PDB file of N, CA and C in Angstrom:
ATOM      1  N   MET A   1     -84.633 -34.333 -19.800  1.00  0.00           N
ATOM      2  CA  MET A   1     -83.747 -33.286 -19.379  1.00  0.00           C
ATOM      3  C   MET A   1     -84.319 -31.957 -19.841  1.00  0.00           C
ATOM      4  N   ASP A   2     -84.281 -30.951 -19.008  1.00  0.00           N
ATOM      5  CA  ASP A   2     -84.910 -29.677 -19.283  1.00  0.00           C
ATOM      6  C   ASP A   2     -83.893 -28.712 -19.872  1.00  0.00           C
ATOM      7  N   GLN A   3     -83.945 -28.514 -21.191  1.00  0.00           N
ATOM      8  CA  GLN A   3     -82.979 -27.641 -21.853  1.00  0.00           C
ATOM      9  C   GLN A   3     -83.677 -26.685 -22.804  1.00  0.00           C
ATOM     10  N   ASP A   4     -84.733 -26.004 -22.390  1.00  0.00           N
ATOM     11  CA  ASP A   4     -85.508 -25.194 -23.302  1.00  0.00           C
ATOM     12  C   ASP A   4     -85.105 -23.726 -23.340  1.00  0.00           C
ATOM     13  N   ALA A   5     -84.019 -23.343 -22.688  1.00  0.00           N
ATOM     14  CA  ALA A   5     -83.585 -21.945 -22.731  1.00  0.00           C
ATOM     15  C   ALA A   5     -83.267 -21.583 -24.180  1.00  0.00           C
ATOM     16  N   SER A   6     -83.826 -20.490 -24.653  1.00  0.00           N
ATOM     17  CA  SER A   6     -83.617 -20.083 -26.040  1.00  0.00           C
ATOM     18  C   SER A   6     -82.173 -19.643 -26.241  1.00  0.00           C
ATOM     19  N   ARG A   7     -81.507 -20.262 -27.194  1.00  0.00           N
ATOM     20  CA  ARG A   7     -80.109 -19.928 -27.461  1.00  0.00           C
ATOM     21  C   ARG A   7     -79.942 -18.495 -27.952  1.00  0.00           C
ATOM     22  N   ARG A   8     -80.968 -17.960 -28.607  1.00  0.00           N
ATOM     23  CA  ARG A   8     -80.850 -16.582 -29.089  1.00  0.00           C
ATOM     24  C   ARG A   8     -80.784 -15.593 -27.938  1.00  0.00           C
ATOM     25  N   ASP A   9     -81.234 -15.995 -26.768  1.00  0.00           N
ATOM     26  CA  ASP A   9     -81.201 -15.127 -25.599  1.00  0.00           C
ATOM     27  C   ASP A   9     -79.924 -15.303 -24.777  1.00  0.00           C
ATOM     28  N   TRP A  10     -79.050 -16.191 -25.214  1.00  0.00           N
ATOM     29  CA  TRP A  10     -77.813 -16.405 -24.482  1.00  0.00           C
ATOM     30  C   TRP A  10     -76.848 -15.258 -24.763  1.00  0.00           C
ATOM     31  N   PRO A  11     -75.948 -14.989 -23.837  1.00  0.00           N
ATOM     32  CA  PRO A  11     -74.965 -13.929 -24.088  1.00  0.00           C
ATOM     33  C   PRO A  11     -74.121 -14.272 -25.318  1.00  0.00           C
ATOM     34  N   ASP A  12     -73.730 -13.240 -26.053  1.00  0.00           N
ATOM     35  CA  ASP A  12     -72.941 -13.433 -27.282  1.00  0.00           C
ATOM     36  C   ASP A  12     -71.650 -14.197 -27.028  1.00  0.00           C
ATOM     37  N   TRP A  13     -71.057 -14.009 -25.880  1.00  0.00           N
ATOM     38  CA  TRP A  13     -69.765 -14.627 -25.599  1.00  0.00           C
ATOM     39  C   TRP A  13     -69.882 -16.117 -25.281  1.00  0.00           C
ATOM     40  N   LEU A  14     -71.088 -16.619 -25.125  1.00  0.00           N
ATOM     41  CA  LEU A  14     -71.279 -18.036 -24.812  1.00  0.00           C
ATOM     42  C   LEU A  14     -71.785 -18.753 -26.067  1.00  0.00           C
ATOM     43  N   ASP A  15     -70.852 -19.237 -26.872  1.00  0.00           N
ATOM     44  CA  ASP A  15     -71.141 -19.856 -28.155  1.00  0.00           C
ATOM     45  C   ASP A  15     -71.060 -21.374 -28.001  1.00  0.00           C
ATOM     46  N   LEU A  16     -72.205 -22.043 -28.055  1.00  0.00           N
ATOM     47  CA  LEU A  16     -72.229 -23.490 -27.842  1.00  0.00           C
ATOM     48  C   LEU A  16     -71.476 -24.260 -28.918  1.00  0.00           C
ATOM     49  N   GLU A  17     -71.432 -23.749 -30.131  1.00  0.00           N
ATOM     50  CA  GLU A  17     -70.667 -24.432 -31.177  1.00  0.00           C
ATOM     51  C   GLU A  17     -69.179 -24.425 -30.840  1.00  0.00           C
ATOM     52  N   VAL A  18     -68.689 -23.300 -30.373  1.00  0.00           N
ATOM     53  CA  VAL A  18     -67.288 -23.201 -29.951  1.00  0.00           C
ATOM     54  C   VAL A  18     -67.045 -24.121 -28.759  1.00  0.00           C
ATOM     55  N   GLU A  19     -67.975 -24.112 -27.815  1.00  0.00           N
ATOM     56  CA  GLU A  19     -67.823 -24.947 -26.629  1.00  0.00           C
ATOM     57  C   GLU A  19     -67.902 -26.431 -26.978  1.00  0.00           C
ATOM     58  N   GLN A  20     -68.768 -26.790 -27.905  1.00  0.00           N
ATOM     59  CA  GLN A  20     -68.859 -28.197 -28.303  1.00  0.00           C
ATOM     60  C   GLN A  20     -67.546 -28.659 -28.938  1.00  0.00           C
ATOM     61  N   GLU A  21     -66.956 -27.811 -29.747  1.00  0.00           N
ATOM     62  CA  GLU A  21     -65.661 -28.165 -30.347  1.00  0.00           C
ATOM     63  C   GLU A  21     -64.580 -28.269 -29.266  1.00  0.00           C
ATOM     64  N   TYR A  22     -64.610 -27.351 -28.307  1.00  0.00           N
ATOM     65  CA  TYR A  22     -63.656 -27.396 -27.192  1.00  0.00           C
ATOM     66  C   TYR A  22     -63.741 -28.749 -26.489  1.00  0.00           C
ATOM     67  N   TRP A  23     -64.962 -29.189 -26.153  1.00  0.00           N
ATOM     68  CA  TRP A  23     -65.130 -30.450 -25.425  1.00  0.00           C
ATOM     69  C   TRP A  23     -64.909 -31.670 -26.315  1.00  0.00           C
ATOM     70  N   ARG A  24     -65.197 -31.541 -27.614  1.00  0.00           N
ATOM     71  CA  ARG A  24     -64.947 -32.652 -28.522  1.00  0.00           C
ATOM     72  C   ARG A  24     -63.453 -32.979 -28.557  1.00  0.00           C
ATOM     73  N   THR A  25     -62.619 -31.946 -28.558  1.00  0.00           N
ATOM     74  CA  THR A  25     -61.171 -32.177 -28.612  1.00  0.00           C
ATOM     75  C   THR A  25     -60.592 -32.646 -27.278  1.00  0.00           C
ATOM     76  N   ARG A  26     -61.359 -32.516 -26.221  1.00  0.00           N
ATOM     77  CA  ARG A  26     -60.899 -32.931 -24.884  1.00  0.00           C
ATOM     78  C   ARG A  26     -61.747 -34.067 -24.323  1.00  0.00           C
ATOM     79  N   PHE A  27     -62.570 -34.633 -25.159  1.00  0.00           N
ATOM     80  CA  PHE A  27     -63.556 -35.604 -24.712  1.00  0.00           C
ATOM     81  C   PHE A  27     -62.950 -36.794 -23.980  1.00  0.00           C
ATOM     82  N   MET A  28     -61.845 -37.311 -24.460  1.00  0.00           N
ATOM     83  CA  MET A  28     -61.271 -38.525 -23.866  1.00  0.00           C
ATOM     84  C   MET A  28     -60.842 -38.317 -22.408  1.00  0.00           C
ATOM     85  N   ASP A  29     -60.702 -37.072 -21.983  1.00  0.00           N
ATOM     86  CA  ASP A  29     -60.340 -36.787 -20.593  1.00  0.00           C
ATOM     87  C   ASP A  29     -61.561 -36.642 -19.678  1.00  0.00           C
ATOM     88  N   LEU A  30     -62.757 -36.651 -20.253  1.00  0.00           N
ATOM     89  CA  LEU A  30     -63.969 -36.465 -19.453  1.00  0.00           C
ATOM     90  C   LEU A  30     -64.446 -37.781 -18.844  1.00  0.00           C
ATOM     91  N   PRO A  31     -65.097 -37.705 -17.693  1.00  0.00           N
ATOM     92  CA  PRO A  31     -65.594 -38.918 -17.036  1.00  0.00           C
ATOM     93  C   PRO A  31     -66.531 -39.747 -17.909  1.00  0.00           C
ATOM     94  N   CYS A  32     -67.314 -39.094 -18.745  1.00  0.00           N
ATOM     95  CA  CYS A  32     -68.256 -39.858 -19.583  1.00  0.00           C
ATOM     96  C   CYS A  32     -67.502 -40.726 -20.590  1.00  0.00           C
ATOM     97  N   ALA A  33     -66.392 -40.248 -21.121  1.00  0.00           N
ATOM     98  CA  ALA A  33     -65.592 -41.070 -22.041  1.00  0.00           C
ATOM     99  C   ALA A  33     -64.985 -42.242 -21.288  1.00  0.00           C
ATOM    100  N   LYS A  34     -64.493 -41.970 -20.099  1.00  0.00           N
ATOM    101  CA  LYS A  34     -63.893 -43.032 -19.285  1.00  0.00           C
ATOM    102  C   LYS A  34     -64.917 -44.077 -18.868  1.00  0.00           C
ATOM    103  N   ALA A  35     -66.202 -43.674 -18.829  1.00  0.00           N
ATOM    104  CA  ALA A  35     -67.277 -44.609 -18.466  1.00  0.00           C
ATOM    105  C   ALA A  35     -67.818 -45.350 -19.695  1.00  0.00           C
ATOM    106  N   GLY A  36     -67.262 -45.050 -20.868  1.00  0.00           N
ATOM    107  CA  GLY A  36     -67.660 -45.758 -22.070  1.00  0.00           C
ATOM    108  C   GLY A  36     -68.698 -45.057 -22.931  1.00  0.00           C
ATOM    109  N   ASP A  37     -69.084 -43.835 -22.565  1.00  0.00           N
ATOM    110  CA  ASP A  37     -70.039 -43.083 -23.373  1.00  0.00           C
ATOM    111  C   ASP A  37     -69.309 -42.392 -24.519  1.00  0.00           C
ATOM    112  N   ASP A  38     -70.038 -42.114 -25.600  1.00  0.00           N
ATOM    113  CA  ASP A  38     -69.446 -41.338 -26.683  1.00  0.00           C
ATOM    114  C   ASP A  38     -69.911 -39.882 -26.556  1.00  0.00           C
ATOM    115  N   ILE A  39     -69.360 -39.004 -27.394  1.00  0.00           N
ATOM    116  CA  ILE A  39     -69.665 -37.574 -27.297  1.00  0.00           C
ATOM    117  C   ILE A  39     -71.151 -37.306 -27.519  1.00  0.00           C
ATOM    118  N   HIS A  40     -71.795 -38.073 -28.392  1.00  0.00           N
ATOM    119  CA  HIS A  40     -73.211 -37.845 -28.676  1.00  0.00           C
ATOM    120  C   HIS A  40     -74.088 -38.178 -27.473  1.00  0.00           C
ATOM    121  N   ARG A  41     -73.709 -39.173 -26.731  1.00  0.00           N
ATOM    122  CA  ARG A  41     -74.457 -39.549 -25.526  1.00  0.00           C
ATOM    123  C   ARG A  41     -74.161 -38.595 -24.369  1.00  0.00           C
ATOM    124  N   CYS A  42     -72.966 -38.056 -24.355  1.00  0.00           N
ATOM    125  CA  CYS A  42     -72.540 -37.178 -23.262  1.00  0.00           C
ATOM    126  C   CYS A  42     -72.914 -35.707 -23.488  1.00  0.00           C
ATOM    127  N   TRP A  43     -73.004 -35.291 -24.752  1.00  0.00           N
ATOM    128  CA  TRP A  43     -73.226 -33.875 -25.027  1.00  0.00           C
ATOM    129  C   TRP A  43     -74.444 -33.293 -24.312  1.00  0.00           C
ATOM    130  N   PRO A  44     -75.597 -33.961 -24.263  1.00  0.00           N
ATOM    131  CA  PRO A  44     -76.729 -33.364 -23.536  1.00  0.00           C
ATOM    132  C   PRO A  44     -76.411 -33.060 -22.065  1.00  0.00           C
ATOM    133  N   LEU A  45     -75.572 -33.861 -21.444  1.00  0.00           N
ATOM    134  CA  LEU A  45     -75.175 -33.606 -20.057  1.00  0.00           C
ATOM    135  C   LEU A  45     -74.235 -32.410 -19.961  1.00  0.00           C
ATOM    136  N   ILE A  46     -73.390 -32.248 -20.966  1.00  0.00           N
ATOM    137  CA  ILE A  46     -72.500 -31.079 -21.022  1.00  0.00           C
ATOM    138  C   ILE A  46     -73.323 -29.825 -21.285  1.00  0.00           C
ATOM    139  N   GLU A  47     -74.194 -29.897 -22.272  1.00  0.00           N
ATOM    140  CA  GLU A  47     -75.024 -28.751 -22.641  1.00  0.00           C
ATOM    141  C   GLU A  47     -75.915 -28.310 -21.485  1.00  0.00           C
ATOM    142  N   LEU A  48     -76.378 -29.249 -20.688  1.00  0.00           N
ATOM    143  CA  LEU A  48     -77.207 -28.921 -19.538  1.00  0.00           C
ATOM    144  C   LEU A  48     -76.484 -27.969 -18.586  1.00  0.00           C
ATOM    145  N   VAL A  49     -75.199 -28.140 -18.401  1.00  0.00           N
ATOM    146  CA  VAL A  49     -74.447 -27.253 -17.506  1.00  0.00           C
ATOM    147  C   VAL A  49     -74.472 -25.819 -18.042  1.00  0.00           C
ATOM    148  N   TYR A  50     -74.302 -25.660 -19.348  1.00  0.00           N
ATOM    149  CA  TYR A  50     -74.365 -24.326 -19.954  1.00  0.00           C
ATOM    150  C   TYR A  50     -75.756 -23.712 -19.764  1.00  0.00           C
ATOM    151  N   THR A  51     -76.777 -24.507 -19.987  1.00  0.00           N
ATOM    152  CA  THR A  51     -78.153 -24.037 -19.807  1.00  0.00           C
ATOM    153  C   THR A  51     -78.382 -23.584 -18.369  1.00  0.00           C
ATOM    154  N   LEU A  52     -77.894 -24.359 -17.428  1.00  0.00           N
ATOM    155  CA  LEU A  52     -78.058 -23.993 -16.017  1.00  0.00           C
ATOM    156  C   LEU A  52     -77.298 -22.720 -15.680  1.00  0.00           C
ATOM    157  N   TYR A  53     -76.128 -22.525 -16.271  1.00  0.00           N
ATOM    158  CA  TYR A  53     -75.374 -21.295 -16.014  1.00  0.00           C
ATOM    159  C   TYR A  53     -76.179 -20.078 -16.469  1.00  0.00           C
ATOM    160  N   VAL A  54     -76.797 -20.179 -17.638  1.00  0.00           N
ATOM    161  CA  VAL A  54     -77.583 -19.055 -18.144  1.00  0.00           C
ATOM    162  C   VAL A  54     -78.812 -18.815 -17.267  1.00  0.00           C
ATOM    163  N   ARG A  55     -79.425 -19.885 -16.819  1.00  0.00           N
ATOM    164  CA  ARG A  55     -80.625 -19.752 -15.983  1.00  0.00           C
ATOM    165  C   ARG A  55     -80.310 -19.314 -14.558  1.00  0.00           C
ATOM    166  N   TYR A  56     -79.201 -19.791 -14.017  1.00  0.00           N
ATOM    167  CA  TYR A  56     -78.858 -19.543 -12.610  1.00  0.00           C
ATOM    168  C   TYR A  56     -77.407 -19.071 -12.484  1.00  0.00           C
ATOM    169  N   PRO A  57     -77.058 -17.951 -13.090  1.00  0.00           N
ATOM    170  CA  PRO A  57     -75.653 -17.529 -13.099  1.00  0.00           C
ATOM    171  C   PRO A  57     -75.085 -17.172 -11.731  1.00  0.00           C
ATOM    172  N   ARG A  58     -75.940 -16.878 -10.791  1.00  0.00           N
ATOM    173  CA  ARG A  58     -75.467 -16.531  -9.440  1.00  0.00           C
ATOM    174  C   ARG A  58     -75.601 -17.684  -8.458  1.00  0.00           C
ATOM    175  N   ALA A  59     -75.944 -18.853  -8.985  1.00  0.00           N
ATOM    176  CA  ALA A  59     -76.081 -20.027  -8.117  1.00  0.00           C
ATOM    177  C   ALA A  59     -74.729 -20.401  -7.527  1.00  0.00           C
ATOM    178  N   SER A  60     -74.761 -20.851  -6.297  1.00  0.00           N
ATOM    179  CA  SER A  60     -73.539 -21.390  -5.710  1.00  0.00           C
ATOM    180  C   SER A  60     -73.239 -22.716  -6.402  1.00  0.00           C
ATOM    181  N   LEU A  61     -72.055 -23.215  -6.207  1.00  0.00           N
ATOM    182  CA  LEU A  61     -71.689 -24.500  -6.794  1.00  0.00           C
ATOM    183  C   LEU A  61     -72.637 -25.597  -6.315  1.00  0.00           C
ATOM    184  N   ILE A  62     -72.985 -25.577  -5.039  1.00  0.00           N
ATOM    185  CA  ILE A  62     -73.892 -26.579  -4.473  1.00  0.00           C
ATOM    186  C   ILE A  62     -75.284 -26.466  -5.100  1.00  0.00           C
ATOM    187  N   GLU A  63     -75.782 -25.235  -5.243  1.00  0.00           N
ATOM    188  CA  GLU A  63     -77.098 -25.030  -5.861  1.00  0.00           C
ATOM    189  C   GLU A  63     -77.098 -25.483  -7.323  1.00  0.00           C
ATOM    190  N   ALA A  64     -76.068 -25.102  -8.052  1.00  0.00           N
ATOM    191  CA  ALA A  64     -75.975 -25.476  -9.467  1.00  0.00           C
ATOM    192  C   ALA A  64     -75.882 -26.994  -9.617  1.00  0.00           C
ATOM    193  N   LEU A  65     -75.114 -27.637  -8.749  1.00  0.00           N
ATOM    194  CA  LEU A  65     -74.999 -29.093  -8.795  1.00  0.00           C
ATOM    195  C   LEU A  65     -76.344 -29.757  -8.514  1.00  0.00           C
ATOM    196  N   ALA A  66     -77.108 -29.212  -7.588  1.00  0.00           N
ATOM    197  CA  ALA A  66     -78.437 -29.766  -7.295  1.00  0.00           C
ATOM    198  C   ALA A  66     -79.350 -29.648  -8.518  1.00  0.00           C
ATOM    199  N   HIS A  67     -79.296 -28.508  -9.200  1.00  0.00           N
ATOM    200  CA  HIS A  67     -80.074 -28.350 -10.436  1.00  0.00           C
ATOM    201  C   HIS A  67     -79.601 -29.356 -11.493  1.00  0.00           C
ATOM    202  N   TYR A  68     -78.296 -29.572 -11.552  1.00  0.00           N
ATOM    203  CA  TYR A  68     -77.727 -30.509 -12.533  1.00  0.00           C
ATOM    204  C   TYR A  68     -78.174 -31.937 -12.248  1.00  0.00           C
ATOM    205  N   GLU A  69     -78.109 -32.318 -10.997  1.00  0.00           N
ATOM    206  CA  GLU A  69     -78.532 -33.674 -10.633  1.00  0.00           C
ATOM    207  C   GLU A  69     -79.999 -33.895 -10.979  1.00  0.00           C
ATOM    208  N   ALA A  70     -80.834 -32.895 -10.702  1.00  0.00           N
ATOM    209  CA  ALA A  70     -82.256 -33.010 -11.029  1.00  0.00           C
ATOM    210  C   ALA A  70     -82.462 -33.063 -12.543  1.00  0.00           C
ATOM    211  N   GLY A  71     -81.744 -32.226 -13.274  1.00  0.00           N
ATOM    212  CA  GLY A  71     -81.906 -32.159 -14.719  1.00  0.00           C
ATOM    213  C   GLY A  71     -81.354 -33.353 -15.464  1.00  0.00           C
ATOM    214  N   SER A  72     -80.392 -34.038 -14.876  1.00  0.00           N
ATOM    215  CA  SER A  72     -79.762 -35.167 -15.570  1.00  0.00           C
ATOM    216  C   SER A  72     -80.435 -36.499 -15.266  1.00  0.00           C
ATOM    217  N   ARG A  73     -81.365 -36.508 -14.327  1.00  0.00           N
ATOM    218  CA  ARG A  73     -82.085 -37.755 -14.017  1.00  0.00           C
ATOM    219  C   ARG A  73     -82.794 -38.275 -15.247  1.00  0.00           C
ATOM    220  N   GLY A  74     -82.676 -39.549 -15.472  1.00  0.00           N
ATOM    221  CA  GLY A  74     -83.353 -40.161 -16.601  1.00  0.00           C
ATOM    222  C   GLY A  74     -82.578 -40.121 -17.901  1.00  0.00           C
ATOM    223  N   HIS A  75     -81.483 -39.349 -17.931  1.00  0.00           N
ATOM    224  CA  HIS A  75     -80.659 -39.327 -19.146  1.00  0.00           C
ATOM    225  C   HIS A  75     -79.726 -40.533 -19.101  1.00  0.00           C
ATOM    226  N   PRO A  76     -79.740 -41.351 -20.149  1.00  0.00           N
ATOM    227  CA  PRO A  76     -78.880 -42.543 -20.137  1.00  0.00           C
ATOM    228  C   PRO A  76     -77.400 -42.178 -20.228  1.00  0.00           C
ATOM    229  N   HIS A  77     -76.627 -42.709 -19.328  1.00  0.00           N
ATOM    230  CA  HIS A  77     -75.173 -42.534 -19.348  1.00  0.00           C
ATOM    231  C   HIS A  77     -74.563 -43.647 -18.506  1.00  0.00           C
ATOM    232  N   GLY A  78     -73.284 -43.875 -18.688  1.00  0.00           N
ATOM    233  CA  GLY A  78     -72.622 -44.953 -17.963  1.00  0.00           C
ATOM    234  C   GLY A  78     -71.886 -44.511 -16.717  1.00  0.00           C
ATOM    235  N   MET A  79     -72.106 -43.272 -16.259  1.00  0.00           N
ATOM    236  CA  MET A  79     -71.341 -42.733 -15.134  1.00  0.00           C
ATOM    237  C   MET A  79     -72.026 -42.995 -13.796  1.00  0.00           C
ATOM    238  N   ASP A  80     -71.193 -43.121 -12.768  1.00  0.00           N
ATOM    239  CA  ASP A  80     -71.725 -43.179 -11.411  1.00  0.00           C
ATOM    240  C   ASP A  80     -71.859 -41.741 -10.897  1.00  0.00           C
ATOM    241  N   HIS A  81     -72.370 -41.583  -9.686  1.00  0.00           N
ATOM    242  CA  HIS A  81     -72.615 -40.248  -9.129  1.00  0.00           C
ATOM    243  C   HIS A  81     -71.335 -39.415  -9.061  1.00  0.00           C
ATOM    244  N   GLN A  82     -70.241 -40.004  -8.645  1.00  0.00           N
ATOM    245  CA  GLN A  82     -68.980 -39.274  -8.535  1.00  0.00           C
ATOM    246  C   GLN A  82     -68.516 -38.787  -9.910  1.00  0.00           C
ATOM    247  N   GLN A  83     -68.636 -39.624 -10.922  1.00  0.00           N
ATOM    248  CA  GLN A  83     -68.223 -39.228 -12.268  1.00  0.00           C
ATOM    249  C   GLN A  83     -69.125 -38.124 -12.823  1.00  0.00           C
ATOM    250  N   LEU A  84     -70.420 -38.220 -12.542  1.00  0.00           N
ATOM    251  CA  LEU A  84     -71.354 -37.194 -12.985  1.00  0.00           C
ATOM    252  C   LEU A  84     -71.034 -35.856 -12.319  1.00  0.00           C
ATOM    253  N   THR A  85     -70.703 -35.904 -11.042  1.00  0.00           N
ATOM    254  CA  THR A  85     -70.318 -34.688 -10.317  1.00  0.00           C
ATOM    255  C   THR A  85     -69.019 -34.110 -10.879  1.00  0.00           C
ATOM    256  N   GLU A  86     -68.064 -34.973 -11.205  1.00  0.00           N
ATOM    257  CA  GLU A  86     -66.807 -34.503 -11.793  1.00  0.00           C
ATOM    258  C   GLU A  86     -67.053 -33.859 -13.156  1.00  0.00           C
ATOM    259  N   LEU A  87     -67.928 -34.464 -13.958  1.00  0.00           N
ATOM    260  CA  LEU A  87     -68.255 -33.888 -15.266  1.00  0.00           C
ATOM    261  C   LEU A  87     -68.844 -32.494 -15.080  1.00  0.00           C
ATOM    262  N   PHE A  88     -69.805 -32.373 -14.181  1.00  0.00           N
ATOM    263  CA  PHE A  88     -70.406 -31.071 -13.902  1.00  0.00           C
ATOM    264  C   PHE A  88     -69.328 -30.051 -13.515  1.00  0.00           C
ATOM    265  N   ALA A  89     -68.454 -30.426 -12.602  1.00  0.00           N
ATOM    266  CA  ALA A  89     -67.430 -29.503 -12.106  1.00  0.00           C
ATOM    267  C   ALA A  89     -66.490 -29.059 -13.224  1.00  0.00           C
ATOM    268  N   ARG A  90     -66.112 -29.977 -14.106  1.00  0.00           N
ATOM    269  CA  ARG A  90     -65.229 -29.623 -15.230  1.00  0.00           C
ATOM    270  C   ARG A  90     -65.892 -28.613 -16.157  1.00  0.00           C
ATOM    271  N   ILE A  91     -67.164 -28.847 -16.469  1.00  0.00           N
ATOM    272  CA  ILE A  91     -67.875 -27.958 -17.394  1.00  0.00           C
ATOM    273  C   ILE A  91     -68.137 -26.606 -16.724  1.00  0.00           C
ATOM    274  N   TRP A  92     -68.581 -26.610 -15.476  1.00  0.00           N
ATOM    275  CA  TRP A  92     -68.858 -25.365 -14.744  1.00  0.00           C
ATOM    276  C   TRP A  92     -67.582 -24.530 -14.637  1.00  0.00           C
ATOM    277  N   GLY A  93     -66.474 -25.176 -14.359  1.00  0.00           N
ATOM    278  CA  GLY A  93     -65.198 -24.472 -14.287  1.00  0.00           C
ATOM    279  C   GLY A  93     -64.827 -23.820 -15.612  1.00  0.00           C
ATOM    280  N   ARG A  94     -65.058 -24.522 -16.704  1.00  0.00           N
ATOM    281  CA  ARG A  94     -64.794 -23.959 -18.030  1.00  0.00           C
ATOM    282  C   ARG A  94     -65.672 -22.733 -18.259  1.00  0.00           C
ATOM    283  N   ILE A  95     -66.937 -22.828 -17.907  1.00  0.00           N
ATOM    284  CA  ILE A  95     -67.843 -21.693 -18.102  1.00  0.00           C
ATOM    285  C   ILE A  95     -67.377 -20.492 -17.296  1.00  0.00           C
ATOM    286  N   LEU A  96     -67.000 -20.704 -16.051  1.00  0.00           N
ATOM    287  CA  LEU A  96     -66.535 -19.589 -15.220  1.00  0.00           C
ATOM    288  C   LEU A  96     -65.280 -18.953 -15.802  1.00  0.00           C
ATOM    289  N   LYS A  97     -64.415 -19.764 -16.387  1.00  0.00           N
ATOM    290  CA  LYS A  97     -63.200 -19.235 -17.019  1.00  0.00           C
ATOM    291  C   LYS A  97     -63.559 -18.385 -18.236  1.00  0.00           C
ATOM    292  N   VAL A  98     -64.467 -18.884 -19.065  1.00  0.00           N
ATOM    293  CA  VAL A  98     -64.892 -18.149 -20.254  1.00  0.00           C
ATOM    294  C   VAL A  98     -65.656 -16.884 -19.857  1.00  0.00           C
ATOM    295  N   ALA A  99     -66.456 -16.964 -18.802  1.00  0.00           N
ATOM    296  CA  ALA A  99     -67.309 -15.853 -18.377  1.00  0.00           C
ATOM    297  C   ALA A  99     -66.565 -14.755 -17.636  1.00  0.00           C
ATOM    298  N   ARG A 100     -65.387 -15.027 -17.187  1.00  0.00           N
ATOM    299  CA  ARG A 100     -64.649 -14.064 -16.349  1.00  0.00           C
ATOM    300  C   ARG A 100     -64.675 -12.662 -16.956  1.00  0.00           C
ATOM    301  N   GLY A 101     -65.234 -11.729 -16.199  1.00  0.00           N
ATOM    302  CA  GLY A 101     -65.256 -10.328 -16.610  1.00  0.00           C
ATOM    303  C   GLY A 101     -66.351  -9.985 -17.605  1.00  0.00           C
ATOM    304  N   ARG A 102     -67.157 -10.965 -17.978  1.00  0.00           N
ATOM    305  CA  ARG A 102     -68.228 -10.706 -18.932  1.00  0.00           C
ATOM    306  C   ARG A 102     -69.559 -10.656 -18.199  1.00  0.00           C
ATOM    307  N   THR A 103     -70.546 -10.053 -18.824  1.00  0.00           N
ATOM    308  CA  THR A 103     -71.853  -9.928 -18.186  1.00  0.00           C
ATOM    309  C   THR A 103     -72.917 -10.679 -18.974  1.00  0.00           C
ATOM    310  N   LEU A 104     -73.988 -10.981 -18.284  1.00  0.00           N
ATOM    311  CA  LEU A 104     -75.161 -11.569 -18.912  1.00  0.00           C
ATOM    312  C   LEU A 104     -76.042 -10.438 -19.431  1.00  0.00           C
ATOM    313  N   PRO A 105     -76.960 -10.738 -20.350  1.00  0.00           N
ATOM    314  CA  PRO A 105     -77.895  -9.697 -20.798  1.00  0.00           C
ATOM    315  C   PRO A 105     -78.659  -9.125 -19.604  1.00  0.00           C
ATOM    316  N   ALA A 106     -79.105  -7.890 -19.723  1.00  0.00           N
ATOM    317  CA  ALA A 106     -79.784  -7.205 -18.619  1.00  0.00           C
ATOM    318  C   ALA A 106     -81.003  -7.958 -18.118  1.00  0.00           C
ATOM    319  N   TRP A 107     -81.713  -8.653 -18.995  1.00  0.00           N
ATOM    320  CA  TRP A 107     -82.937  -9.354 -18.606  1.00  0.00           C
ATOM    321  C   TRP A 107     -82.669 -10.676 -17.903  1.00  0.00           C
ATOM    322  N   ALA A 108     -81.465 -11.211 -18.057  1.00  0.00           N
ATOM    323  CA  ALA A 108     -81.163 -12.555 -17.535  1.00  0.00           C
ATOM    324  C   ALA A 108     -81.145 -12.565 -16.019  1.00  0.00           C
ATOM    325  N   PRO A 109     -81.506 -13.719 -15.425  1.00  0.00           N
ATOM    326  CA  PRO A 109     -81.389 -13.825 -13.974  1.00  0.00           C
ATOM    327  C   PRO A 109     -79.947 -13.552 -13.571  1.00  0.00           C
ATOM    328  N   GLY A 110     -79.742 -12.626 -12.697  1.00  0.00           N
ATOM    329  CA  GLY A 110     -78.396 -12.275 -12.287  1.00  0.00           C
ATOM    330  C   GLY A 110     -77.753 -11.241 -13.168  1.00  0.00           C
ATOM    331  N   GLY A 111     -78.431 -10.853 -14.255  1.00  0.00           N
ATOM    332  CA  GLY A 111     -77.916  -9.827 -15.157  1.00  0.00           C
ATOM    333  C   GLY A 111     -78.048  -8.461 -14.505  1.00  0.00           C
ATOM    334  N   PRO A 112     -77.528  -7.402 -15.153  1.00  0.00           N
ATOM    335  CA  PRO A 112     -77.510  -6.085 -14.545  1.00  0.00           C
ATOM    336  C   PRO A 112     -78.849  -5.354 -14.520  1.00  0.00           C
ATOM    337  N   GLY A 113     -79.858  -5.858 -15.238  1.00  0.00           N
ATOM    338  CA  GLY A 113     -81.157  -5.175 -15.271  1.00  0.00           C
ATOM    339  C   GLY A 113     -82.271  -6.022 -14.726  1.00  0.00           C
ATOM    340  N   LYS A 114     -83.480  -5.598 -14.997  1.00  0.00           N
ATOM    341  CA  LYS A 114     -84.662  -6.327 -14.551  1.00  0.00           C
ATOM    342  C   LYS A 114     -84.972  -7.440 -15.517  1.00  0.00           C
ATOM    343  N   ALA A 115     -85.625  -8.462 -15.016  1.00  0.00           N
ATOM    344  CA  ALA A 115     -86.042  -9.578 -15.859  1.00  0.00           C
ATOM    345  C   ALA A 115     -87.114  -9.115 -16.830  1.00  0.00           C
ATOM    346  N   ARG A 116     -87.132  -9.753 -18.022  1.00  0.00           N
ATOM    347  CA  ARG A 116     -88.156  -9.432 -19.019  1.00  0.00           C
ATOM    348  C   ARG A 116     -89.513  -9.939 -18.544  1.00  0.00           C
ATOM    349  N   SER A 117     -90.538  -9.297 -19.003  1.00  0.00           N
ATOM    350  CA  SER A 117     -91.901  -9.741 -18.695  1.00  0.00           C
ATOM    351  C   SER A 117     -92.336 -10.765 -19.717  1.00  0.00           C
TER     352      SER A 117
END
C-alpha cells in the first residue's frame, strides 16, 4: 500500500492521532469490524483514505475510489468489494466533514498556490 505522504506536510487541521481515536471509538460500526478484522488490520486501509485526500483533494468520489482500490490491493483484510467501498465512503465522508471550510497548504495539489519544486 502506498502511504509515503509526509505527515509534516499535512494540513494542521488533519490530525491522524485524533482521527485514529475517532475511528477506534466507532470501529465496531465499520465494515472491517463486521468482516472480522481488528483495528490494527483495518487502520492501514483507513489511513490510506486520509493519504489520498491529501494527495488528491479535488478528486471526484469516483476518482478517489479508484485510487483507493488500487492502493488497497494486496493488503490483507476480510472484506468483500462492497464492504471495502463502504469503508472508503465512510472515511471520505468524515474527511469532508472535518475539512469543510478549511484549506490545504498552498503547495498541496488543489491548494491555493503552486506546487513545491
